[in-house]
Amino acid sequence: MKKLTVVAIALLFCLLGASAHAQQFDAAFGISTLTSSGPTTVNGLFFPSARGGTYPGFSADFLVHHRFGLEGEMSWRASQTLYGGYEPYRPIFYSFNAIWAPRLGKSLTAEVMGGIGGEDLRFYGFLNCSAFFGCTTYASSNHFMGDFGGGLRAYVWHNAFVRPEARVYFINNNAEFSSGRVVRYGLSLGYSFGGR
């Protein structure tokens, strides 16, 4: 988790630096949950569902030209849960998207986005050591994913906004679960820097 935090902070500083030349920079923190198809059993093997849990996360975007721009986000399960009832694990989702944020009114802005990212499944109880990364107490299973989604920013006080949002993740080779399609939905609180 520490390495992902360092990467996320580095991404945030890059976005902050780029925002000096952008028309608008937005940052938000939110809470969400997942939904997916139910668990299945195939040839005697049990595949659990990826649904449920509380997922804190953060996102940042900058709008460069005509309300178009770039967006990055990361969310993770707040607590470990048991995979198939036996093994503790935690999923982490991250993505980099193109975003379009048209104004719908004085205090309302829509968001439509799509892009690519990944799912990092961390299974705990393993000691992994490498010369480059050091030692960790988990094993990771990483999957490429595509995503799209949207939200609706309601500016409630100056440049502060509340955003209900939803994302659909299409996870490649998500063999650990019953489906490669996962929907994340929730609510974020954020702030817009620059003109909105």
C-alpha atoms as a PDB file:
ATOM      1  CA  MET A   1       0.000   0.000   0.000  1.00  0.00           C
ATOM      2  CA  LYS A   2       2.947   2.329   0.706  1.00  0.00           C
ATOM      3  CA  LYS A   3       4.240   2.054  -2.872  1.00  0.00           C
ATOM      4  CA  LEU A   4       0.826   2.831  -4.314  1.00  0.00           C
ATOM      5  CA  THR A   5       0.542   5.834  -2.014  1.00  0.00           C
ATOM      6  CA  VAL A   6       3.894   7.156  -3.247  1.00  0.00           C
ATOM      7  CA  VAL A   7       2.810   6.650  -6.890  1.00  0.00           C
ATOM      8  CA  ALA A   8      -0.520   8.373  -6.201  1.00  0.00           C
ATOM      9  CA  ILE A   9       1.177  11.362  -4.539  1.00  0.00           C
ATOM     10  CA  ALA A  10       3.618  11.646  -7.457  1.00  0.00           C
ATOM     11  CA  LEU A  11       0.670  11.591  -9.878  1.00  0.00           C
ATOM     12  CA  LEU A  12      -1.059  14.301  -7.858  1.00  0.00           C
ATOM     13  CA  PHE A  13       2.022  16.554  -7.972  1.00  0.00           C
ATOM     14  CA  CYS A  14       2.293  16.015 -11.739  1.00  0.00           C
ATOM     15  CA  LEU A  15      -1.345  16.984 -12.137  1.00  0.00           C
ATOM     16  CA  LEU A  16      -0.846  20.031  -9.899  1.00  0.00           C
ATOM     17  CA  GLY A  17       2.128  21.121 -12.001  1.00  0.00           C
ATOM     18  CA  ALA A  18       0.169  20.636 -15.203  1.00  0.00           C
ATOM     19  CA  SER A  19      -2.784  22.546 -13.782  1.00  0.00           C
ATOM     20  CA  ALA A  20      -0.791  25.772 -13.901  1.00  0.00           C
ATOM     21  CA  HIS A  21      -1.327  25.723 -17.680  1.00  0.00           C
ATOM     22  CA  ALA A  22      -4.758  24.121 -17.640  1.00  0.00           C
ATOM     23  CA  GLN A  23      -8.073  25.908 -17.476  1.00  0.00           C
ATOM     24  CA  GLN A  24      -9.315  23.903 -14.505  1.00  0.00           C
ATOM     25  CA  PHE A  25      -7.996  21.357 -12.011  1.00  0.00           C
ATOM     26  CA  ASP A  26     -10.318  19.233  -9.854  1.00  0.00           C
ATOM     27  CA  ALA A  27      -9.492  16.904  -6.962  1.00  0.00           C
ATOM     28  CA  ALA A  28     -11.905  14.689  -5.010  1.00  0.00           C
ATOM     29  CA  PHE A  29     -12.074  12.026  -2.312  1.00  0.00           C
ATOM     30  CA  GLY A  30     -14.949   9.580  -2.110  1.00  0.00           C
ATOM     31  CA  ILE A  31     -16.483   6.397  -0.792  1.00  0.00           C
ATOM     32  CA  SER A  32     -17.975   3.729  -3.043  1.00  0.00           C
ATOM     33  CA  THR A  33     -18.898   0.050  -3.294  1.00  0.00           C
ATOM     34  CA  LEU A  34     -18.820  -2.646  -5.978  1.00  0.00           C
ATOM     35  CA  THR A  35     -21.433  -4.762  -7.670  1.00  0.00           C
ATOM     36  CA  SER A  36     -20.880  -7.704 -10.004  1.00  0.00           C
ATOM     37  CA  SER A  37     -22.481 -10.992 -10.982  1.00  0.00           C
ATOM     38  CA  GLY A  38     -22.985 -13.602  -8.259  1.00  0.00           C
ATOM     39  CA  PRO A  39     -20.526 -16.371  -7.363  1.00  0.00           C
ATOM     40  CA  THR A  40     -20.313 -19.444  -9.610  1.00  0.00           C
ATOM     41  CA  THR A  41     -18.988 -22.990  -9.478  1.00  0.00           C
ATOM     42  CA  VAL A  42     -17.394 -24.434 -12.632  1.00  0.00           C
ATOM     43  CA  ASN A  43     -16.107 -28.030 -12.736  1.00  0.00           C
ATOM     44  CA  GLY A  44     -16.099 -28.127  -8.938  1.00  0.00           C
ATOM     45  CA  LEU A  45     -14.105 -24.882  -8.623  1.00  0.00           C
ATOM     46  CA  PHE A  46     -15.695 -22.007  -6.702  1.00  0.00           C
ATOM     47  CA  PHE A  47     -15.350 -18.475  -8.117  1.00  0.00           C
ATOM     48  CA  PRO A  48     -16.541 -15.755  -5.695  1.00  0.00           C
ATOM     49  CA  SER A  49     -18.182 -12.493  -6.683  1.00  0.00           C
ATOM     50  CA  ALA A  50     -16.217  -9.232  -6.597  1.00  0.00           C
ATOM     51  CA  ARG A  51     -19.150  -7.312  -5.104  1.00  0.00           C
ATOM     52  CA  GLY A  52     -19.563  -5.558  -1.778  1.00  0.00           C
ATOM     53  CA  GLY A  53     -17.207  -3.754   0.571  1.00  0.00           C
ATOM     54  CA  THR A  54     -16.357  -0.122   1.217  1.00  0.00           C
ATOM     55  CA  TYR A  55     -13.913   1.493  -1.213  1.00  0.00           C
ATOM     56  CA  PRO A  56     -12.328   4.840  -0.345  1.00  0.00           C
ATOM     57  CA  GLY A  57     -10.621   6.521  -3.253  1.00  0.00           C
ATOM     58  CA  PHE A  58      -9.425   9.714  -4.805  1.00  0.00           C
ATOM     59  CA  SER A  59      -9.425  11.237  -8.244  1.00  0.00           C
ATOM     60  CA  ALA A  60      -7.957  14.266  -9.975  1.00  0.00           C
ATOM     61  CA  ASP A  61      -8.426  15.758 -13.405  1.00  0.00           C
ATOM     62  CA  PHE A  62      -7.423  18.764 -15.385  1.00  0.00           C
ATOM     63  CA  LEU A  63      -9.448  20.214 -18.207  1.00  0.00           C
ATOM     64  CA  VAL A  64      -7.215  21.571 -20.922  1.00  0.00           C
ATOM     65  CA  HIS A  65      -9.323  22.647 -23.887  1.00  0.00           C
ATOM     66  CA  HIS A  66     -13.074  23.075 -24.404  1.00  0.00           C
ATOM     67  CA  ARG A  67     -13.906  21.117 -21.231  1.00  0.00           C
ATOM     68  CA  PHE A  68     -11.824  18.112 -22.397  1.00  0.00           C
ATOM     69  CA  GLY A  69      -8.911  16.815 -20.346  1.00  0.00           C
ATOM     70  CA  LEU A  70      -7.211  13.974 -18.477  1.00  0.00           C
ATOM     71  CA  GLU A  71      -8.294  12.204 -15.293  1.00  0.00           C
ATOM     72  CA  GLY A  72      -6.715   9.685 -12.930  1.00  0.00           C
ATOM     73  CA  GLU A  73      -8.300   7.758 -10.094  1.00  0.00           C
ATOM     74  CA  MET A  74      -7.520   5.093  -7.518  1.00  0.00           C
ATOM     75  CA  SER A  75      -9.783   3.166  -5.131  1.00  0.00           C
ATOM     76  CA  TRP A  76      -9.112   0.250  -2.798  1.00  0.00           C
ATOM     77  CA  ARG A  77     -11.090  -1.934  -0.447  1.00  0.00           C
ATOM     78  CA  ALA A  78     -10.923  -0.348   3.031  1.00  0.00           C
ATOM     79  CA  SER A  79     -10.471  -3.679   4.819  1.00  0.00           C
ATOM     80  CA  GLN A  80      -9.247  -7.108   3.835  1.00  0.00           C
ATOM     81  CA  THR A  81     -11.851  -9.766   3.160  1.00  0.00           C
ATOM     82  CA  LEU A  82     -11.616 -13.520   2.654  1.00  0.00           C
ATOM     83  CA  TYR A  83     -11.257 -14.931  -0.842  1.00  0.00           C
ATOM     84  CA  GLY A  84     -13.573 -17.926  -1.057  1.00  0.00           C
ATOM     85  CA  GLY A  85     -13.827 -17.886   2.736  1.00  0.00           C
ATOM     86  CA  TYR A  86     -10.155 -18.831   3.252  1.00  0.00           C
ATOM     87  CA  GLU A  87      -7.506 -16.368   2.111  1.00  0.00           C
ATOM     88  CA  PRO A  88      -7.357 -12.635   3.062  1.00  0.00           C
ATOM     89  CA  TYR A  89      -7.163 -10.301   0.074  1.00  0.00           C
ATOM     90  CA  ARG A  90      -7.750  -6.684  -0.971  1.00  0.00           C
ATOM     91  CA  PRO A  91      -8.484  -5.384  -4.503  1.00  0.00           C
ATOM     92  CA  ILE A  92      -7.096  -2.042  -5.702  1.00  0.00           C
ATOM     93  CA  PHE A  93      -8.359  -0.325  -8.877  1.00  0.00           C
ATOM     94  CA  TYR A  94      -6.602   2.482 -10.767  1.00  0.00           C
ATOM     95  CA  SER A  95      -7.248   4.108 -14.119  1.00  0.00           C
ATOM     96  CA  PHE A  96      -6.176   6.933 -16.430  1.00  0.00           C
ATOM     97  CA  ASN A  97      -8.956   8.432 -18.530  1.00  0.00           C
ATOM     98  CA  ALA A  98      -9.906  11.017 -21.091  1.00  0.00           C
ATOM     99  CA  ILE A  99     -12.641  13.212 -19.617  1.00  0.00           C
ATOM    100  CA  TRP A 100     -15.290  15.559 -20.972  1.00  0.00           C
ATOM    101  CA  ALA A 101     -16.995  17.802 -18.407  1.00  0.00           C
ATOM    102  CA  PRO A 102     -19.756  19.891 -20.026  1.00  0.00           C
ATOM    103  CA  ARG A 103     -21.559  22.496 -17.924  1.00  0.00           C
ATOM    104  CA  LEU A 104     -25.236  21.810 -17.449  1.00  0.00           C
ATOM    105  CA  GLY A 105     -25.941  24.985 -15.497  1.00  0.00           C
ATOM    106  CA  LYS A 106     -24.360  27.526 -13.168  1.00  0.00           C
ATOM    107  CA  SER A 107     -23.743  24.975 -10.396  1.00  0.00           C
ATOM    108  CA  LEU A 108     -24.006  21.656 -12.258  1.00  0.00           C
ATOM    109  CA  THR A 109     -21.372  19.896 -14.397  1.00  0.00           C
ATOM    110  CA  ALA A 110     -21.533  16.446 -15.977  1.00  0.00           C
ATOM    111  CA  GLU A 111     -18.529  14.134 -16.332  1.00  0.00           C
ATOM    112  CA  VAL A 112     -18.104  11.493 -19.023  1.00  0.00           C
ATOM    113  CA  MET A 113     -14.861   9.521 -19.123  1.00  0.00           C
ATOM    114  CA  GLY A 114     -13.180   6.414 -20.454  1.00  0.00           C
ATOM    115  CA  GLY A 115      -9.727   4.922 -20.487  1.00  0.00           C
ATOM    116  CA  ILE A 116      -7.455   2.159 -19.266  1.00  0.00           C
ATOM    117  CA  GLY A 117      -6.024   1.003 -15.966  1.00  0.00           C
ATOM    118  CA  GLY A 118      -5.544  -2.055 -13.827  1.00  0.00           C
ATOM    119  CA  GLU A 119      -6.741  -4.195 -10.970  1.00  0.00           C
ATOM    120  CA  ASP A 120      -4.200  -5.242  -8.338  1.00  0.00           C
ATOM    121  CA  LEU A 121      -5.442  -8.164  -6.220  1.00  0.00           C
ATOM    122  CA  ARG A 122      -3.318  -8.500  -3.091  1.00  0.00           C
ATOM    123  CA  PHE A 123      -3.446 -11.872  -1.342  1.00  0.00           C
ATOM    124  CA  TYR A 124      -2.000 -11.604   2.177  1.00  0.00           C
ATOM    125  CA  GLY A 125      -0.050 -14.142   4.203  1.00  0.00           C
ATOM    126  CA  PHE A 126       2.800 -14.600   1.719  1.00  0.00           C
ATOM    127  CA  LEU A 127       6.359 -13.335   2.082  1.00  0.00           C
ATOM    128  CA  ASN A 128       7.677 -12.096  -1.267  1.00  0.00           C
ATOM    129  CA  CYS A 129      11.177 -10.680  -1.615  1.00  0.00           C
ATOM    130  CA  SER A 130      12.910  -9.150  -4.624  1.00  0.00           C
ATOM    131  CA  ALA A 131      16.111  -7.167  -5.054  1.00  0.00           C
ATOM    132  CA  PHE A 132      14.231  -4.265  -6.656  1.00  0.00           C
ATOM    133  CA  PHE A 133      11.147  -3.888  -4.405  1.00  0.00           C
ATOM    134  CA  GLY A 134      12.317  -5.438  -1.118  1.00  0.00           C
ATOM    135  CA  CYS A 135       9.987  -7.714   0.852  1.00  0.00           C
ATOM    136  CA  THR A 136       6.200  -7.637   1.055  1.00  0.00           C
ATOM    137  CA  THR A 137       3.720  -9.744   3.024  1.00  0.00           C
ATOM    138  CA  TYR A 138       1.400 -10.273   0.059  1.00  0.00           C
ATOM    139  CA  ALA A 139       1.334 -11.706  -3.440  1.00  0.00           C
ATOM    140  CA  SER A 140      -0.178  -9.610  -6.238  1.00  0.00           C
ATOM    141  CA  SER A 141      -2.261 -10.706  -9.190  1.00  0.00           C
ATOM    142  CA  ASN A 142      -2.446  -7.817 -11.683  1.00  0.00           C
ATOM    143  CA  HIS A 143      -4.956  -7.451 -14.491  1.00  0.00           C
ATOM    144  CA  PHE A 144      -5.251  -4.903 -17.294  1.00  0.00           C
ATOM    145  CA  MET A 145      -8.666  -3.252 -17.544  1.00  0.00           C
ATOM    146  CA  GLY A 146     -10.658  -0.788 -19.582  1.00  0.00           C
ATOM    147  CA  ASP A 147     -13.175   1.500 -17.933  1.00  0.00           C
ATOM    148  CA  PHE A 148     -15.804   4.096 -18.602  1.00  0.00           C
ATOM    149  CA  GLY A 149     -18.211   6.012 -16.448  1.00  0.00           C
ATOM    150  CA  GLY A 150     -19.437   9.360 -15.340  1.00  0.00           C
ATOM    151  CA  GLY A 151     -20.621  11.595 -12.599  1.00  0.00           C
ATOM    152  CA  LEU A 152     -22.584  14.718 -11.864  1.00  0.00           C
ATOM    153  CA  ARG A 153     -20.839  17.549  -9.987  1.00  0.00           C
ATOM    154  CA  ALA A 154     -23.154  19.708  -7.932  1.00  0.00           C
ATOM    155  CA  TYR A 155     -21.322  22.789  -6.658  1.00  0.00           C
ATOM    156  CA  VAL A 156     -22.650  23.358  -3.145  1.00  0.00           C
ATOM    157  CA  TRP A 157     -20.367  26.132  -1.879  1.00  0.00           C
ATOM    158  CA  HIS A 158     -18.104  28.261  -4.091  1.00  0.00           C
ATOM    159  CA  ASN A 159     -15.820  25.715  -5.862  1.00  0.00           C
ATOM    160  CA  ALA A 160     -16.616  22.764  -3.539  1.00  0.00           C
ATOM    161  CA  PHE A 161     -18.725  20.032  -5.103  1.00  0.00           C
ATOM    162  CA  VAL A 162     -20.532  16.783  -4.315  1.00  0.00           C
ATOM    163  CA  ARG A 163     -20.380  14.148  -7.060  1.00  0.00           C
ATOM    164  CA  PRO A 164     -22.467  10.979  -7.350  1.00  0.00           C
ATOM    165  CA  GLU A 165     -20.531   8.738  -9.743  1.00  0.00           C
ATOM    166  CA  ALA A 166     -20.350   5.316 -11.369  1.00  0.00           C
ATOM    167  CA  ARG A 167     -17.604   3.419 -13.215  1.00  0.00           C
ATOM    168  CA  VAL A 168     -17.755   0.168 -15.189  1.00  0.00           C
ATOM    169  CA  TYR A 169     -14.530  -1.854 -15.196  1.00  0.00           C
ATOM    170  CA  PHE A 170     -13.862  -4.477 -17.884  1.00  0.00           C
ATOM    171  CA  ILE A 171     -11.092  -6.560 -16.306  1.00  0.00           C
ATOM    172  CA  ASN A 172      -9.032  -8.732 -18.635  1.00  0.00           C
ATOM    173  CA  ASN A 173      -8.441 -12.330 -17.520  1.00  0.00           C
ATOM    174  CA  ASN A 174     -10.108 -11.845 -14.136  1.00  0.00           C
ATOM    175  CA  ALA A 175      -9.864 -15.600 -13.499  1.00  0.00           C
ATOM    176  CA  GLU A 176     -10.063 -15.265  -9.697  1.00  0.00           C
ATOM    177  CA  PHE A 177     -13.705 -14.084  -9.814  1.00  0.00           C
ATOM    178  CA  SER A 178     -16.996 -15.032 -11.418  1.00  0.00           C
ATOM    179  CA  SER A 179     -16.952 -12.069 -13.827  1.00  0.00           C
ATOM    180  CA  GLY A 180     -14.573  -9.643 -15.470  1.00  0.00           C
ATOM    181  CA  ARG A 181     -17.166  -6.854 -15.404  1.00  0.00           C
ATOM    182  CA  VAL A 182     -17.410  -4.857 -12.174  1.00  0.00           C
ATOM    183  CA  VAL A 183     -19.410  -1.697 -11.460  1.00  0.00           C
ATOM    184  CA  ARG A 184     -18.216   0.774  -8.818  1.00  0.00           C
ATOM    185  CA  TYR A 185     -20.605   3.484  -7.646  1.00  0.00           C
ATOM    186  CA  GLY A 186     -20.456   6.024  -4.862  1.00  0.00           C
ATOM    187  CA  LEU A 187     -20.204   9.642  -3.779  1.00  0.00           C
ATOM    188  CA  SER A 188     -17.217  12.019  -3.773  1.00  0.00           C
ATOM    189  CA  LEU A 189     -16.490  15.416  -2.264  1.00  0.00           C
ATOM    190  CA  GLY A 190     -14.155  17.637  -4.229  1.00  0.00           C
ATOM    191  CA  TYR A 191     -12.872  21.071  -5.101  1.00  0.00           C
ATOM    192  CA  SER A 192     -12.248  22.867  -8.426  1.00  0.00           C
ATOM    193  CA  PHE A 193      -9.172  25.044  -8.796  1.00  0.00           C
ATOM    194  CA  GLY A 194      -9.278  27.667 -11.533  1.00  0.00           C
ATOM    195  CA  GLY A 195     -12.345  28.718 -13.473  1.00  0.00           C
ATOM    196  CA  ARG A 196     -15.254  26.352 -13.479  1.00  0.00           C
END
